[in-house]
């Protein structure tokens, strides 16, 4: 069994989902820089800014974008 931190495990799980399904994407604050705890480190470099999108500090905007995207068939 591989030992890793929770942050590393969540990043790897997300990477696997994004590799397997092109409709999976992320939206949030500072994701291009890895976010606060580094759980998104390297994902924007690997998948591009269209699938790992930075947003302003606005929870309402983030949720609105995610809800709208889910309504048209993507998996934010």
PDB file of N, CA and C in Angstrom:
ATOM      1  N   UNK A   1       0.836  -1.164   0.000  1.00  0.00           N
ATOM      2  CA  UNK A   1       0.000   0.000   0.000  1.00  0.00           C
ATOM      3  C   UNK A   1       0.895   1.246   0.000  1.00  0.00           C
ATOM      4  N   UNK A   2       0.532   2.210  -0.824  1.00  0.00           N
ATOM      5  CA  UNK A   2       1.283   3.454  -0.913  1.00  0.00           C
ATOM      6  C   UNK A   2       0.873   4.377   0.230  1.00  0.00           C
ATOM      7  N   UNK A   3       1.857   4.951   0.908  1.00  0.00           N
ATOM      8  CA  UNK A   3       1.555   5.923   1.960  1.00  0.00           C
ATOM      9  C   UNK A   3       1.558   7.314   1.346  1.00  0.00           C
ATOM     10  N   UNK A   4       0.503   8.080   1.633  1.00  0.00           N
ATOM     11  CA  UNK A   4       0.435   9.459   1.174  1.00  0.00           C
ATOM     12  C   UNK A   4      -0.471  10.245   2.105  1.00  0.00           C
ATOM     13  N   UNK A   5      -0.328  11.550   2.030  1.00  0.00           N
ATOM     14  CA  UNK A   5      -1.178  12.404   2.855  1.00  0.00           C
ATOM     15  C   UNK A   5      -2.575  12.474   2.247  1.00  0.00           C
ATOM     16  N   UNK A   6      -3.511  13.015   3.016  1.00  0.00           N
ATOM     17  CA  UNK A   6      -4.872  13.193   2.510  1.00  0.00           C
ATOM     18  C   UNK A   6      -4.871  14.112   1.292  1.00  0.00           C
ATOM     19  N   UNK A   7      -4.073  15.174   1.333  1.00  0.00           N
ATOM     20  CA  UNK A   7      -3.988  16.107   0.201  1.00  0.00           C
ATOM     21  C   UNK A   7      -3.467  15.386  -1.036  1.00  0.00           C
ATOM     22  N   UNK A   8      -2.425  14.586  -0.887  1.00  0.00           N
ATOM     23  CA  UNK A   8      -1.876  13.841  -2.021  1.00  0.00           C
ATOM     24  C   UNK A   8      -2.895  12.848  -2.567  1.00  0.00           C
ATOM     25  N   UNK A   9      -3.611  12.177  -1.681  1.00  0.00           N
ATOM     26  CA  UNK A   9      -4.612  11.197  -2.115  1.00  0.00           C
ATOM     27  C   UNK A   9      -5.759  11.869  -2.858  1.00  0.00           C
ATOM     28  N   UNK A  10      -6.216  13.017  -2.364  1.00  0.00           N
ATOM     29  CA  UNK A  10      -7.320  13.702  -3.045  1.00  0.00           C
ATOM     30  C   UNK A  10      -6.868  14.231  -4.400  1.00  0.00           C
ATOM     31  N   UNK A  11      -5.621  14.719  -4.502  1.00  0.00           N
ATOM     32  CA  UNK A  11      -5.090  15.192  -5.787  1.00  0.00           C
ATOM     33  C   UNK A  11      -4.992  14.032  -6.782  1.00  0.00           C
ATOM     34  N   UNK A  12      -4.506  12.890  -6.323  1.00  0.00           N
ATOM     35  CA  UNK A  12      -4.371  11.734  -7.216  1.00  0.00           C
ATOM     36  C   UNK A  12      -5.732  11.211  -7.658  1.00  0.00           C
ATOM     37  N   UNK A  13      -6.702  11.192  -6.756  1.00  0.00           N
ATOM     38  CA  UNK A  13      -8.053  10.754  -7.127  1.00  0.00           C
ATOM     39  C   UNK A  13      -8.648  11.678  -8.178  1.00  0.00           C
ATOM     40  N   UNK A  14      -8.471  12.978  -7.995  1.00  0.00           N
ATOM     41  CA  UNK A  14      -8.982  13.937  -8.972  1.00  0.00           C
ATOM     42  C   UNK A  14      -8.268  13.784 -10.309  1.00  0.00           C
ATOM     43  N   UNK A  15      -6.950  13.588 -10.275  1.00  0.00           N
ATOM     44  CA  UNK A  15      -6.181  13.382 -11.513  1.00  0.00           C
ATOM     45  C   UNK A  15      -6.706  12.147 -12.268  1.00  0.00           C
ATOM     46  N   UNK A  16      -6.951  11.063 -11.545  1.00  0.00           N
ATOM     47  CA  UNK A  16      -7.469   9.850 -12.188  1.00  0.00           C
ATOM     48  C   UNK A  16      -8.840  10.089 -12.812  1.00  0.00           C
ATOM     49  N   UNK A  17      -9.706  10.808 -12.107  1.00  0.00           N
ATOM     50  CA  UNK A  17     -11.039  11.117 -12.651  1.00  0.00           C
ATOM     51  C   UNK A  17     -10.932  11.985 -13.900  1.00  0.00           C
ATOM     52  N   UNK A  18     -10.043  12.975 -13.871  1.00  0.00           N
ATOM     53  CA  UNK A  18      -9.896  13.875 -15.015  1.00  0.00           C
ATOM     54  C   UNK A  18      -9.283  13.159 -16.213  1.00  0.00           C
ATOM     55  N   UNK A  19      -8.396  12.206 -15.971  1.00  0.00           N
ATOM     56  CA  UNK A  19      -7.819  11.426 -17.067  1.00  0.00           C
ATOM     57  C   UNK A  19      -8.859  10.510 -17.700  1.00  0.00           C
ATOM     58  N   UNK A  20      -9.740   9.972 -16.879  1.00  0.00           N
ATOM     59  CA  UNK A  20     -10.731   9.006 -17.358  1.00  0.00           C
ATOM     60  C   UNK A  20     -11.949   9.656 -18.004  1.00  0.00           C
ATOM     61  N   UNK A  21     -12.254  10.907 -17.646  1.00  0.00           N
ATOM     62  CA  UNK A  21     -13.500  11.539 -18.092  1.00  0.00           C
ATOM     63  C   UNK A  21     -13.243  13.002 -18.428  1.00  0.00           C
ATOM     64  N   UNK A  22     -13.325  13.345 -19.699  1.00  0.00           N
ATOM     65  CA  UNK A  22     -13.041  14.712 -20.139  1.00  0.00           C
ATOM     66  C   UNK A  22     -14.084  15.725 -19.685  1.00  0.00           C
ATOM     67  N   UNK A  23     -15.207  15.268 -19.139  1.00  0.00           N
ATOM     68  CA  UNK A  23     -16.212  16.217 -18.660  1.00  0.00           C
ATOM     69  C   UNK A  23     -15.961  16.653 -17.218  1.00  0.00           C
ATOM     70  N   UNK A  24     -14.974  16.049 -16.552  1.00  0.00           N
ATOM     71  CA  UNK A  24     -14.634  16.427 -15.175  1.00  0.00           C
ATOM     72  C   UNK A  24     -13.712  17.641 -15.212  1.00  0.00           C
ATOM     73  N   UNK A  25     -14.030  18.652 -14.397  1.00  0.00           N
ATOM     74  CA  UNK A  25     -13.189  19.840 -14.304  1.00  0.00           C
ATOM     75  C   UNK A  25     -13.313  20.447 -12.916  1.00  0.00           C
ATOM     76  N   UNK A  26     -12.430  21.397 -12.598  1.00  0.00           N
ATOM     77  CA  UNK A  26     -12.393  22.026 -11.275  1.00  0.00           C
ATOM     78  C   UNK A  26     -12.529  23.532 -11.424  1.00  0.00           C
ATOM     79  N   UNK A  27     -13.189  24.141 -10.471  1.00  0.00           N
ATOM     80  CA  UNK A  27     -13.322  25.592 -10.443  1.00  0.00           C
ATOM     81  C   UNK A  27     -13.169  26.049  -8.998  1.00  0.00           C
ATOM     82  N   UNK A  28     -12.354  27.082  -8.780  1.00  0.00           N
ATOM     83  CA  UNK A  28     -12.167  27.582  -7.427  1.00  0.00           C
ATOM     84  C   UNK A  28     -11.067  28.622  -7.349  1.00  0.00           C
ATOM     85  N   UNK A  29     -10.790  29.062  -6.138  1.00  0.00           N
ATOM     86  CA  UNK A  29      -9.817  30.119  -5.896  1.00  0.00           C
ATOM     87  C   UNK A  29      -8.386  29.582  -5.919  1.00  0.00           C
ATOM     88  N   UNK A  30      -7.523  30.212  -6.701  1.00  0.00           N
ATOM     89  CA  UNK A  30      -6.088  29.895  -6.765  1.00  0.00           C
ATOM     90  C   UNK A  30      -5.770  28.454  -7.139  1.00  0.00           C
ATOM     91  N   UNK A  31      -6.602  27.820  -7.935  1.00  0.00           N
ATOM     92  CA  UNK A  31      -6.335  26.427  -8.303  1.00  0.00           C
ATOM     93  C   UNK A  31      -5.080  26.302  -9.160  1.00  0.00           C
ATOM     94  N   UNK A  32      -4.800  27.291  -9.982  1.00  0.00           N
ATOM     95  CA  UNK A  32      -3.609  27.246 -10.821  1.00  0.00           C
ATOM     96  C   UNK A  32      -2.323  27.232 -10.013  1.00  0.00           C
ATOM     97  N   UNK A  33      -2.380  27.763  -8.804  1.00  0.00           N
ATOM     98  CA  UNK A  33      -1.220  27.776  -7.910  1.00  0.00           C
ATOM     99  C   UNK A  33      -1.274  26.637  -6.907  1.00  0.00           C
ATOM    100  N   UNK A  34      -2.246  25.755  -7.034  1.00  0.00           N
ATOM    101  CA  UNK A  34      -2.326  24.595  -6.152  1.00  0.00           C
ATOM    102  C   UNK A  34      -3.350  24.718  -5.052  1.00  0.00           C
ATOM    103  N   UNK A  35      -3.929  25.899  -4.891  1.00  0.00           N
ATOM    104  CA  UNK A  35      -4.914  26.200  -3.854  1.00  0.00           C
ATOM    105  C   UNK A  35      -4.234  26.299  -2.494  1.00  0.00           C
ATOM    106  N   UNK A  36      -5.000  26.511  -1.474  1.00  0.00           N
ATOM    107  CA  UNK A  36      -4.468  26.799  -0.139  1.00  0.00           C
ATOM    108  C   UNK A  36      -3.595  25.665   0.396  1.00  0.00           C
ATOM    109  N   UNK A  37      -4.035  24.448   0.276  1.00  0.00           N
ATOM    110  CA  UNK A  37      -3.310  23.314   0.851  1.00  0.00           C
ATOM    111  C   UNK A  37      -2.495  22.534  -0.182  1.00  0.00           C
ATOM    112  N   UNK A  38      -2.477  22.981  -1.430  1.00  0.00           N
ATOM    113  CA  UNK A  38      -1.694  22.314  -2.460  1.00  0.00           C
ATOM    114  C   UNK A  38      -2.366  21.113  -3.090  1.00  0.00           C
ATOM    115  N   UNK A  39      -3.662  20.932  -2.828  1.00  0.00           N
ATOM    116  CA  UNK A  39      -4.332  19.742  -3.349  1.00  0.00           C
ATOM    117  C   UNK A  39      -4.518  19.767  -4.868  1.00  0.00           C
ATOM    118  N   UNK A  40      -4.289  20.916  -5.508  1.00  0.00           N
ATOM    119  CA  UNK A  40      -4.434  20.997  -6.960  1.00  0.00           C
ATOM    120  C   UNK A  40      -3.092  21.221  -7.661  1.00  0.00           C
ATOM    121  N   UNK A  41      -1.987  21.079  -6.947  1.00  0.00           N
ATOM    122  CA  UNK A  41      -0.667  21.331  -7.525  1.00  0.00           C
ATOM    123  C   UNK A  41      -0.443  20.515  -8.794  1.00  0.00           C
ATOM    124  N   UNK A  42      -0.056  21.208  -9.853  1.00  0.00           N
ATOM    125  CA  UNK A  42       0.274  20.551 -11.110  1.00  0.00           C
ATOM    126  C   UNK A  42      -0.891  20.209 -12.006  1.00  0.00           C
ATOM    127  N   UNK A  43      -2.119  20.273 -11.503  1.00  0.00           N
ATOM    128  CA  UNK A  43      -3.265  19.865 -12.320  1.00  0.00           C
ATOM    129  C   UNK A  43      -3.552  20.851 -13.454  1.00  0.00           C
ATOM    130  N   UNK A  44      -3.366  22.155 -13.202  1.00  0.00           N
ATOM    131  CA  UNK A  44      -3.604  23.116 -14.279  1.00  0.00           C
ATOM    132  C   UNK A  44      -2.547  22.960 -15.370  1.00  0.00           C
ATOM    133  N   UNK A  45      -1.305  22.663 -14.990  1.00  0.00           N
ATOM    134  CA  UNK A  45      -0.263  22.409 -15.987  1.00  0.00           C
ATOM    135  C   UNK A  45      -0.592  21.172 -16.812  1.00  0.00           C
ATOM    136  N   UNK A  46      -1.127  20.158 -16.182  1.00  0.00           N
ATOM    137  CA  UNK A  46      -1.435  18.896 -16.862  1.00  0.00           C
ATOM    138  C   UNK A  46      -2.697  18.973 -17.717  1.00  0.00           C
ATOM    139  N   UNK A  47      -3.745  19.623 -17.213  1.00  0.00           N
ATOM    140  CA  UNK A  47      -5.041  19.607 -17.901  1.00  0.00           C
ATOM    141  C   UNK A  47      -5.439  20.940 -18.520  1.00  0.00           C
ATOM    142  N   UNK A  48      -4.707  21.995 -18.218  1.00  0.00           N
ATOM    143  CA  UNK A  48      -4.981  23.300 -18.803  1.00  0.00           C
ATOM    144  C   UNK A  48      -5.968  24.130 -18.001  1.00  0.00           C
ATOM    145  N   UNK A  49      -5.970  25.446 -18.264  1.00  0.00           N
ATOM    146  CA  UNK A  49      -6.828  26.359 -17.502  1.00  0.00           C
ATOM    147  C   UNK A  49      -8.318  26.212 -17.800  1.00  0.00           C
ATOM    148  N   UNK A  50      -8.678  25.552 -18.883  1.00  0.00           N
ATOM    149  CA  UNK A  50     -10.103  25.332 -19.160  1.00  0.00           C
ATOM    150  C   UNK A  50     -10.698  24.263 -18.250  1.00  0.00           C
ATOM    151  N   UNK A  51      -9.863  23.342 -17.775  1.00  0.00           N
ATOM    152  CA  UNK A  51     -10.368  22.266 -16.909  1.00  0.00           C
ATOM    153  C   UNK A  51     -10.008  22.463 -15.447  1.00  0.00           C
ATOM    154  N   UNK A  52      -9.057  23.322 -15.165  1.00  0.00           N
ATOM    155  CA  UNK A  52      -8.707  23.680 -13.790  1.00  0.00           C
ATOM    156  C   UNK A  52      -8.737  25.206 -13.748  1.00  0.00           C
ATOM    157  N   UNK A  53      -9.909  25.748 -13.464  1.00  0.00           N
ATOM    158  CA  UNK A  53     -10.169  27.176 -13.647  1.00  0.00           C
ATOM    159  C   UNK A  53     -10.080  27.958 -12.341  1.00  0.00           C
ATOM    160  N   UNK A  54      -9.316  29.045 -12.381  1.00  0.00           N
ATOM    161  CA  UNK A  54      -9.251  29.974 -11.254  1.00  0.00           C
ATOM    162  C   UNK A  54     -10.467  30.890 -11.278  1.00  0.00           C
ATOM    163  N   UNK A  55     -10.918  31.262 -10.098  1.00  0.00           N
ATOM    164  CA  UNK A  55     -12.045  32.187  -9.986  1.00  0.00           C
ATOM    165  C   UNK A  55     -11.690  33.293  -9.001  1.00  0.00           C
ATOM    166  N   UNK A  56     -12.441  34.380  -9.038  1.00  0.00           N
ATOM    167  CA  UNK A  56     -12.279  35.379  -7.978  1.00  0.00           C
ATOM    168  C   UNK A  56     -12.808  34.825  -6.652  1.00  0.00           C
ATOM    169  N   UNK A  57     -12.547  35.547  -5.583  1.00  0.00           N
ATOM    170  CA  UNK A  57     -13.039  35.123  -4.271  1.00  0.00           C
ATOM    171  C   UNK A  57     -14.523  35.462  -4.197  1.00  0.00           C
ATOM    172  N   UNK A  58     -15.332  34.560  -4.697  1.00  0.00           N
ATOM    173  CA  UNK A  58     -16.786  34.752  -4.706  1.00  0.00           C
ATOM    174  C   UNK A  58     -17.445  33.383  -4.712  1.00  0.00           C
ATOM    175  N   UNK A  59     -17.846  32.939  -3.543  1.00  0.00           N
ATOM    176  CA  UNK A  59     -18.457  31.616  -3.430  1.00  0.00           C
ATOM    177  C   UNK A  59     -19.715  31.507  -4.280  1.00  0.00           C
ATOM    178  N   UNK A  60     -20.478  32.585  -4.378  1.00  0.00           N
ATOM    179  CA  UNK A  60     -21.699  32.560  -5.186  1.00  0.00           C
ATOM    180  C   UNK A  60     -21.373  32.347  -6.661  1.00  0.00           C
ATOM    181  N   UNK A  61     -20.317  32.984  -7.150  1.00  0.00           N
ATOM    182  CA  UNK A  61     -19.928  32.814  -8.551  1.00  0.00           C
ATOM    183  C   UNK A  61     -19.427  31.396  -8.812  1.00  0.00           C
ATOM    184  N   UNK A  62     -18.656  30.862  -7.875  1.00  0.00           N
ATOM    185  CA  UNK A  62     -18.135  29.504  -8.025  1.00  0.00           C
ATOM    186  C   UNK A  62     -19.288  28.505  -8.079  1.00  0.00           C
ATOM    187  N   UNK A  63     -20.217  28.623  -7.162  1.00  0.00           N
ATOM    188  CA  UNK A  63     -21.359  27.702  -7.131  1.00  0.00           C
ATOM    189  C   UNK A  63     -22.246  27.885  -8.356  1.00  0.00           C
ATOM    190  N   UNK A  64     -22.459  29.115  -8.785  1.00  0.00           N
ATOM    191  CA  UNK A  64     -23.269  29.358  -9.975  1.00  0.00           C
ATOM    192  C   UNK A  64     -22.648  28.730 -11.209  1.00  0.00           C
ATOM    193  N   UNK A  65     -21.328  28.873 -11.357  1.00  0.00           N
ATOM    194  CA  UNK A  65     -20.638  28.267 -12.497  1.00  0.00           C
ATOM    195  C   UNK A  65     -20.733  26.747 -12.442  1.00  0.00           C
ATOM    196  N   UNK A  66     -20.547  26.175 -11.261  1.00  0.00           N
ATOM    197  CA  UNK A  66     -20.610  24.720 -11.118  1.00  0.00           C
ATOM    198  C   UNK A  66     -22.016  24.189 -11.387  1.00  0.00           C
ATOM    199  N   UNK A  67     -23.040  24.857 -10.841  1.00  0.00           N
ATOM    200  CA  UNK A  67     -24.420  24.414 -11.085  1.00  0.00           C
ATOM    201  C   UNK A  67     -24.772  24.500 -12.563  1.00  0.00           C
ATOM    202  N   UNK A  68     -24.434  25.616 -13.187  1.00  0.00           N
ATOM    203  CA  UNK A  68     -24.735  25.788 -14.608  1.00  0.00           C
ATOM    204  C   UNK A  68     -24.027  24.757 -15.465  1.00  0.00           C
ATOM    205  N   UNK A  69     -22.762  24.504 -15.157  1.00  0.00           N
ATOM    206  CA  UNK A  69     -22.002  23.518 -15.924  1.00  0.00           C
ATOM    207  C   UNK A  69     -22.578  22.117 -15.748  1.00  0.00           C
ATOM    208  N   UNK A  70     -22.984  21.783 -14.533  1.00  0.00           N
ATOM    209  CA  UNK A  70     -23.582  20.466 -14.288  1.00  0.00           C
ATOM    210  C   UNK A  70     -24.896  20.310 -15.049  1.00  0.00           C
ATOM    211  N   UNK A  71     -25.630  21.400 -15.185  1.00  0.00           N
ATOM    212  CA  UNK A  71     -26.911  21.336 -15.897  1.00  0.00           C
ATOM    213  C   UNK A  71     -26.742  21.028 -17.380  1.00  0.00           C
ATOM    214  N   UNK A  72     -25.560  21.335 -17.948  1.00  0.00           N
ATOM    215  CA  UNK A  72     -25.339  21.054 -19.366  1.00  0.00           C
ATOM    216  C   UNK A  72     -24.482  19.812 -19.581  1.00  0.00           C
ATOM    217  N   UNK A  73     -24.258  19.041 -18.500  1.00  0.00           N
ATOM    218  CA  UNK A  73     -23.644  17.731 -18.669  1.00  0.00           C
ATOM    219  C   UNK A  73     -22.187  17.584 -18.296  1.00  0.00           C
ATOM    220  N   UNK A  74     -21.533  18.640 -17.806  1.00  0.00           N
ATOM    221  CA  UNK A  74     -20.156  18.440 -17.360  1.00  0.00           C
ATOM    222  C   UNK A  74     -20.163  18.066 -15.885  1.00  0.00           C
ATOM    223  N   UNK A  75     -18.990  17.729 -15.361  1.00  0.00           N
ATOM    224  CA  UNK A  75     -18.900  17.261 -13.973  1.00  0.00           C
ATOM    225  C   UNK A  75     -17.922  18.120 -13.186  1.00  0.00           C
ATOM    226  N   UNK A  76     -18.388  19.291 -12.728  1.00  0.00           N
ATOM    227  CA  UNK A  76     -17.482  20.171 -11.965  1.00  0.00           C
ATOM    228  C   UNK A  76     -17.188  19.610 -10.582  1.00  0.00           C
TER     229      UNK A  76
END
